[in-house]
PDB file of N, CA and C in Angstrom:
ATOM      1  N   MET A   1     -92.924 232.049 -15.989  1.00  0.00           N
ATOM      2  CA  MET A   1     -93.123 231.356 -14.734  1.00  0.00           C
ATOM      3  C   MET A   1     -93.916 230.060 -14.955  1.00  0.00           C
ATOM      4  N   LEU A   2     -94.947 230.153 -15.758  1.00  0.00           N
ATOM      5  CA  LEU A   2     -95.746 228.956 -16.037  1.00  0.00           C
ATOM      6  C   LEU A   2     -94.928 227.937 -16.814  1.00  0.00           C
ATOM      7  N   GLY A   3     -94.001 228.430 -17.628  1.00  0.00           N
ATOM      8  CA  GLY A   3     -93.131 227.545 -18.385  1.00  0.00           C
ATOM      9  C   GLY A   3     -92.249 226.697 -17.493  1.00  0.00           C
ATOM     10  N   LYS A   4     -91.874 227.217 -16.338  1.00  0.00           N
ATOM     11  CA  LYS A   4     -91.051 226.451 -15.393  1.00  0.00           C
ATOM     12  C   LYS A   4     -91.858 225.352 -14.726  1.00  0.00           C
ATOM     13  N   VAL A   5     -93.149 225.570 -14.569  1.00  0.00           N
ATOM     14  CA  VAL A   5     -93.998 224.596 -13.887  1.00  0.00           C
ATOM     15  C   VAL A   5     -94.336 223.427 -14.814  1.00  0.00           C
ATOM     16  N   ILE A   6     -94.770 223.745 -16.026  1.00  0.00           N
ATOM     17  CA  ILE A   6     -95.188 222.661 -16.926  1.00  0.00           C
ATOM     18  C   ILE A   6     -94.168 222.355 -18.009  1.00  0.00           C
ATOM     19  N   GLY A   7     -93.174 223.191 -18.185  1.00  0.00           N
ATOM     20  CA  GLY A   7     -92.124 222.937 -19.159  1.00  0.00           C
ATOM     21  C   GLY A   7     -92.340 223.689 -20.456  1.00  0.00           C
ATOM     22  N   ASN A   8     -91.215 224.030 -21.107  1.00  0.00           N
ATOM     23  CA  ASN A   8     -91.280 224.814 -22.335  1.00  0.00           C
ATOM     24  C   ASN A   8     -91.910 224.043 -23.481  1.00  0.00           C
ATOM     25  N   LYS A   9     -91.711 222.746 -23.521  1.00  0.00           N
ATOM     26  CA  LYS A   9     -92.279 221.931 -24.597  1.00  0.00           C
ATOM     27  C   LYS A   9     -93.802 222.004 -24.570  1.00  0.00           C
ATOM     28  N   TYR A  10     -94.376 221.857 -23.393  1.00  0.00           N
ATOM     29  CA  TYR A  10     -95.830 221.871 -23.279  1.00  0.00           C
ATOM     30  C   TYR A  10     -96.401 223.276 -23.446  1.00  0.00           C
ATOM     31  N   MET A  11     -95.622 224.301 -23.118  1.00  0.00           N
ATOM     32  CA  MET A  11     -96.066 225.673 -23.376  1.00  0.00           C
ATOM     33  C   MET A  11     -96.149 225.923 -24.889  1.00  0.00           C
ATOM     34  N   ALA A  12     -95.192 225.412 -25.636  1.00  0.00           N
ATOM     35  CA  ALA A  12     -95.209 225.576 -27.090  1.00  0.00           C
ATOM     36  C   ALA A  12     -96.397 224.833 -27.698  1.00  0.00           C
ATOM     37  N   ILE A  13     -96.684 223.650 -27.191  1.00  0.00           N
ATOM     38  CA  ILE A  13     -97.843 222.896 -27.677  1.00  0.00           C
ATOM     39  C   ILE A  13     -99.135 223.643 -27.351  1.00  0.00           C
ATOM     40  N   ALA A  14     -99.225 224.177 -26.143  1.00  0.00           N
ATOM     41  CA  ALA A  14    -100.431 224.908 -25.744  1.00  0.00           C
ATOM     42  C   ALA A  14    -100.619 226.166 -26.600  1.00  0.00           C
ATOM     43  N   LYS A  15     -99.522 226.863 -26.909  1.00  0.00           N
ATOM     44  CA  LYS A  15     -99.630 228.068 -27.733  1.00  0.00           C
ATOM     45  C   LYS A  15    -100.092 227.736 -29.146  1.00  0.00           C
ATOM     46  N   SER A  16     -99.713 226.576 -29.645  1.00  0.00           N
ATOM     47  CA  SER A  16    -100.146 226.216 -30.989  1.00  0.00           C
ATOM     48  C   SER A  16    -101.627 225.839 -31.031  1.00  0.00           C
ATOM     49  N   TRP A  17    -102.201 225.462 -29.899  1.00  0.00           N
ATOM     50  CA  TRP A  17    -103.611 225.075 -29.848  1.00  0.00           C
ATOM     51  C   TRP A  17    -104.549 226.249 -29.582  1.00  0.00           C
ATOM     52  N   VAL A  18    -104.029 227.411 -29.225  1.00  0.00           N
ATOM     53  CA  VAL A  18    -104.873 228.556 -28.877  1.00  0.00           C
ATOM     54  C   VAL A  18    -105.811 228.961 -30.019  1.00  0.00           C
ATOM     55  N   PRO A  19    -105.342 229.123 -31.269  1.00  0.00           N
ATOM     56  CA  PRO A  19    -106.284 229.500 -32.341  1.00  0.00           C
ATOM     57  C   PRO A  19    -107.378 228.462 -32.575  1.00  0.00           C
ATOM     58  N   THR A  20    -107.027 227.193 -32.499  1.00  0.00           N
ATOM     59  CA  THR A  20    -108.018 226.135 -32.699  1.00  0.00           C
ATOM     60  C   THR A  20    -109.071 226.170 -31.603  1.00  0.00           C
ATOM     61  N   LEU A  21    -108.639 226.328 -30.368  1.00  0.00           N
ATOM     62  CA  LEU A  21    -109.593 226.384 -29.255  1.00  0.00           C
ATOM     63  C   LEU A  21    -110.472 227.634 -29.333  1.00  0.00           C
ATOM     64  N   ALA A  22    -109.920 228.729 -29.813  1.00  0.00           N
ATOM     65  CA  ALA A  22    -110.720 229.950 -29.962  1.00  0.00           C
ATOM     66  C   ALA A  22    -111.809 229.756 -31.016  1.00  0.00           C
ATOM     67  N   ILE A  23    -111.458 229.109 -32.119  1.00  0.00           N
ATOM     68  CA  ILE A  23    -112.454 228.876 -33.171  1.00  0.00           C
ATOM     69  C   ILE A  23    -113.542 227.929 -32.685  1.00  0.00           C
ATOM     70  N   TRP A  24    -113.157 226.854 -32.015  1.00  0.00           N
ATOM     71  CA  TRP A  24    -114.157 225.915 -31.493  1.00  0.00           C
ATOM     72  C   TRP A  24    -115.030 226.566 -30.419  1.00  0.00           C
ATOM     73  N   GLY A  25    -114.450 227.410 -29.600  1.00  0.00           N
ATOM     74  CA  GLY A  25    -115.236 228.112 -28.581  1.00  0.00           C
ATOM     75  C   GLY A  25    -116.239 229.065 -29.190  1.00  0.00           C
ATOM     76  N   THR A  26    -115.809 229.796 -30.216  1.00  0.00           N
ATOM     77  CA  THR A  26    -116.717 230.711 -30.911  1.00  0.00           C
ATOM     78  C   THR A  26    -117.831 229.951 -31.607  1.00  0.00           C
ATOM     79  N   THR A  27    -117.475 228.849 -32.256  1.00  0.00           N
ATOM     80  CA  THR A  27    -118.483 228.029 -32.932  1.00  0.00           C
ATOM     81  C   THR A  27    -119.483 227.468 -31.926  1.00  0.00           C
ATOM     82  N   GLY A  28    -118.993 227.014 -30.801  1.00  0.00           N
ATOM     83  CA  GLY A  28    -119.888 226.499 -29.759  1.00  0.00           C
ATOM     84  C   GLY A  28    -120.804 227.573 -29.202  1.00  0.00           C
ATOM     85  N   GLY A  29    -120.264 228.779 -29.026  1.00  0.00           N
ATOM     86  CA  GLY A  29    -121.089 229.877 -28.530  1.00  0.00           C
ATOM     87  C   GLY A  29    -122.186 230.267 -29.510  1.00  0.00           C
ATOM     88  N   VAL A  30    -121.835 230.332 -30.785  1.00  0.00           N
ATOM     89  CA  VAL A  30    -122.841 230.657 -31.806  1.00  0.00           C
ATOM     90  C   VAL A  30    -123.886 229.550 -31.893  1.00  0.00           C
ATOM     91  N   ALA A  31    -123.461 228.298 -31.811  1.00  0.00           N
ATOM     92  CA  ALA A  31    -124.409 227.177 -31.843  1.00  0.00           C
ATOM     93  C   ALA A  31    -125.333 227.214 -30.635  1.00  0.00           C
ATOM     94  N   LEU A  32    -124.807 227.578 -29.481  1.00  0.00           N
ATOM     95  CA  LEU A  32    -125.630 227.665 -28.275  1.00  0.00           C
ATOM     96  C   LEU A  32    -126.699 228.746 -28.424  1.00  0.00           C
ATOM     97  N   VAL A  33    -126.318 229.891 -28.966  1.00  0.00           N
ATOM     98  CA  VAL A  33    -127.300 230.971 -29.186  1.00  0.00           C
ATOM     99  C   VAL A  33    -128.326 230.545 -30.231  1.00  0.00           C
ATOM    100  N   TYR A  34    -127.875 229.853 -31.268  1.00  0.00           N
ATOM    101  CA  TYR A  34    -128.784 229.419 -32.331  1.00  0.00           C
ATOM    102  C   TYR A  34    -129.787 228.389 -31.821  1.00  0.00           C
ATOM    103  N   LEU A  35    -129.330 227.471 -30.999  1.00  0.00           N
ATOM    104  CA  LEU A  35    -130.198 226.387 -30.548  1.00  0.00           C
ATOM    105  C   LEU A  35    -131.093 226.784 -29.371  1.00  0.00           C
ATOM    106  N   THR A  36    -130.716 227.833 -28.651  1.00  0.00           N
ATOM    107  CA  THR A  36    -131.558 228.301 -27.556  1.00  0.00           C
ATOM    108  C   THR A  36    -132.449 229.422 -28.064  1.00  0.00           C
ATOM    109  N   ASP A  37    -133.199 230.006 -27.179  1.00  0.00           N
ATOM    110  CA  ASP A  37    -134.078 231.104 -27.548  1.00  0.00           C
ATOM    111  C   ASP A  37    -133.228 232.342 -27.819  1.00  0.00           C
ATOM    112  N   TRP A  38    -133.084 232.731 -29.067  1.00  0.00           N
ATOM    113  CA  TRP A  38    -132.209 233.842 -29.449  1.00  0.00           C
ATOM    114  C   TRP A  38    -132.657 235.147 -28.832  1.00  0.00           C
ATOM    115  N   ARG A  39    -133.932 235.262 -28.551  1.00  0.00           N
ATOM    116  CA  ARG A  39    -134.468 236.505 -27.983  1.00  0.00           C
ATOM    117  C   ARG A  39    -133.929 236.756 -26.572  1.00  0.00           C
ATOM    118  N   VAL A  40    -133.753 235.685 -25.810  1.00  0.00           N
ATOM    119  CA  VAL A  40    -133.220 235.823 -24.448  1.00  0.00           C
ATOM    120  C   VAL A  40    -131.807 236.390 -24.498  1.00  0.00           C
ATOM    121  N   VAL A  41    -131.012 235.921 -25.434  1.00  0.00           N
ATOM    122  CA  VAL A  41    -129.629 236.388 -25.547  1.00  0.00           C
ATOM    123  C   VAL A  41    -129.582 237.814 -26.080  1.00  0.00           C
ATOM    124  N   LEU A  42    -130.376 238.108 -27.096  1.00  0.00           N
ATOM    125  CA  LEU A  42    -130.321 239.422 -27.728  1.00  0.00           C
ATOM    126  C   LEU A  42    -130.977 240.517 -26.906  1.00  0.00           C
ATOM    127  N   ASP A  43    -131.710 240.182 -25.863  1.00  0.00           N
ATOM    128  CA  ASP A  43    -132.265 241.198 -24.980  1.00  0.00           C
ATOM    129  C   ASP A  43    -131.169 241.974 -24.258  1.00  0.00           C
ATOM    130  N   TYR A  44    -129.963 241.428 -24.181  1.00  0.00           N
ATOM    131  CA  TYR A  44    -128.853 242.099 -23.508  1.00  0.00           C
ATOM    132  C   TYR A  44    -128.031 242.970 -24.455  1.00  0.00           C
ATOM    133  N   VAL A  45    -128.314 242.944 -25.750  1.00  0.00           N
ATOM    134  CA  VAL A  45    -127.618 243.788 -26.713  1.00  0.00           C
ATOM    135  C   VAL A  45    -128.402 245.088 -26.825  1.00  0.00           C
ATOM    136  N   PRO A  46    -127.791 246.225 -26.477  1.00  0.00           N
ATOM    137  CA  PRO A  46    -128.558 247.474 -26.370  1.00  0.00           C
ATOM    138  C   PRO A  46    -129.292 247.889 -27.647  1.00  0.00           C
ATOM    139  N   TYR A  47    -128.661 247.878 -28.790  1.00  0.00           N
ATOM    140  CA  TYR A  47    -129.306 248.359 -30.021  1.00  0.00           C
ATOM    141  C   TYR A  47    -130.454 247.454 -30.437  1.00  0.00           C
ATOM    142  N   ILE A  48    -130.245 246.157 -30.363  1.00  0.00           N
ATOM    143  CA  ILE A  48    -131.266 245.202 -30.779  1.00  0.00           C
ATOM    144  C   ILE A  48    -132.400 245.144 -29.759  1.00  0.00           C
ATOM    145  N   ASN A  49    -132.095 245.368 -28.501  1.00  0.00           N
ATOM    146  CA  ASN A  49    -133.094 245.326 -27.440  1.00  0.00           C
ATOM    147  C   ASN A  49    -134.198 246.353 -27.694  1.00  0.00           C
ATOM    148  N   GLY A  50    -133.865 247.519 -28.245  1.00  0.00           N
ATOM    149  CA  GLY A  50    -134.858 248.558 -28.498  1.00  0.00           C
ATOM    150  C   GLY A  50    -135.818 248.219 -29.620  1.00  0.00           C
ATOM    151  N   LYS A  51    -135.441 247.351 -30.529  1.00  0.00           N
ATOM    152  CA  LYS A  51    -136.292 246.992 -31.648  1.00  0.00           C
ATOM    153  C   LYS A  51    -137.449 246.087 -31.260  1.00  0.00           C
ATOM    154  N   PHE A  52    -137.300 245.346 -30.197  1.00  0.00           N
ATOM    155  CA  PHE A  52    -138.296 244.339 -29.817  1.00  0.00           C
ATOM    156  C   PHE A  52    -138.967 244.710 -28.486  1.00  0.00           C
ATOM    157  N   LYS A  53    -139.468 245.907 -28.398  1.00  0.00           N
ATOM    158  CA  LYS A  53    -140.166 246.306 -27.173  1.00  0.00           C
ATOM    159  C   LYS A  53    -141.497 245.554 -27.068  1.00  0.00           C
ATOM    160  N   LYS A  54    -141.795 245.111 -25.859  1.00  0.00           N
ATOM    161  CA  LYS A  54    -143.047 244.400 -25.621  1.00  0.00           C
ATOM    162  C   LYS A  54    -144.127 245.424 -25.258  1.00  0.00           C
ATOM    163  N   ASP A  55    -145.249 245.373 -25.933  1.00  0.00           N
ATOM    164  CA  ASP A  55    -146.365 246.258 -25.626  1.00  0.00           C
ATOM    165  C   ASP A  55    -147.212 245.601 -24.563  1.00  0.00           C
ATOM    166  N   GLU A  56    -147.110 246.160 -23.369  1.00  0.00           N
ATOM    167  CA  GLU A  56    -147.888 245.588 -22.252  1.00  0.00           C
ATOM    168  C   GLU A  56    -148.820 246.604 -21.677  1.00  0.00           C
TER     169      GLU A  56
END
């Protein structure tokens, strides 16, 4: 159905770009976690969250 709207040629081009966009998205996500406070992100991971309990 989407192929009828934008055309088969552009669907083929878009399908060829999917792996590249996935790699760039993953790289951007990892860079975002690296450049921000990693503790804020890892607090949502259940196994790692238990290792860093705050003693209050």
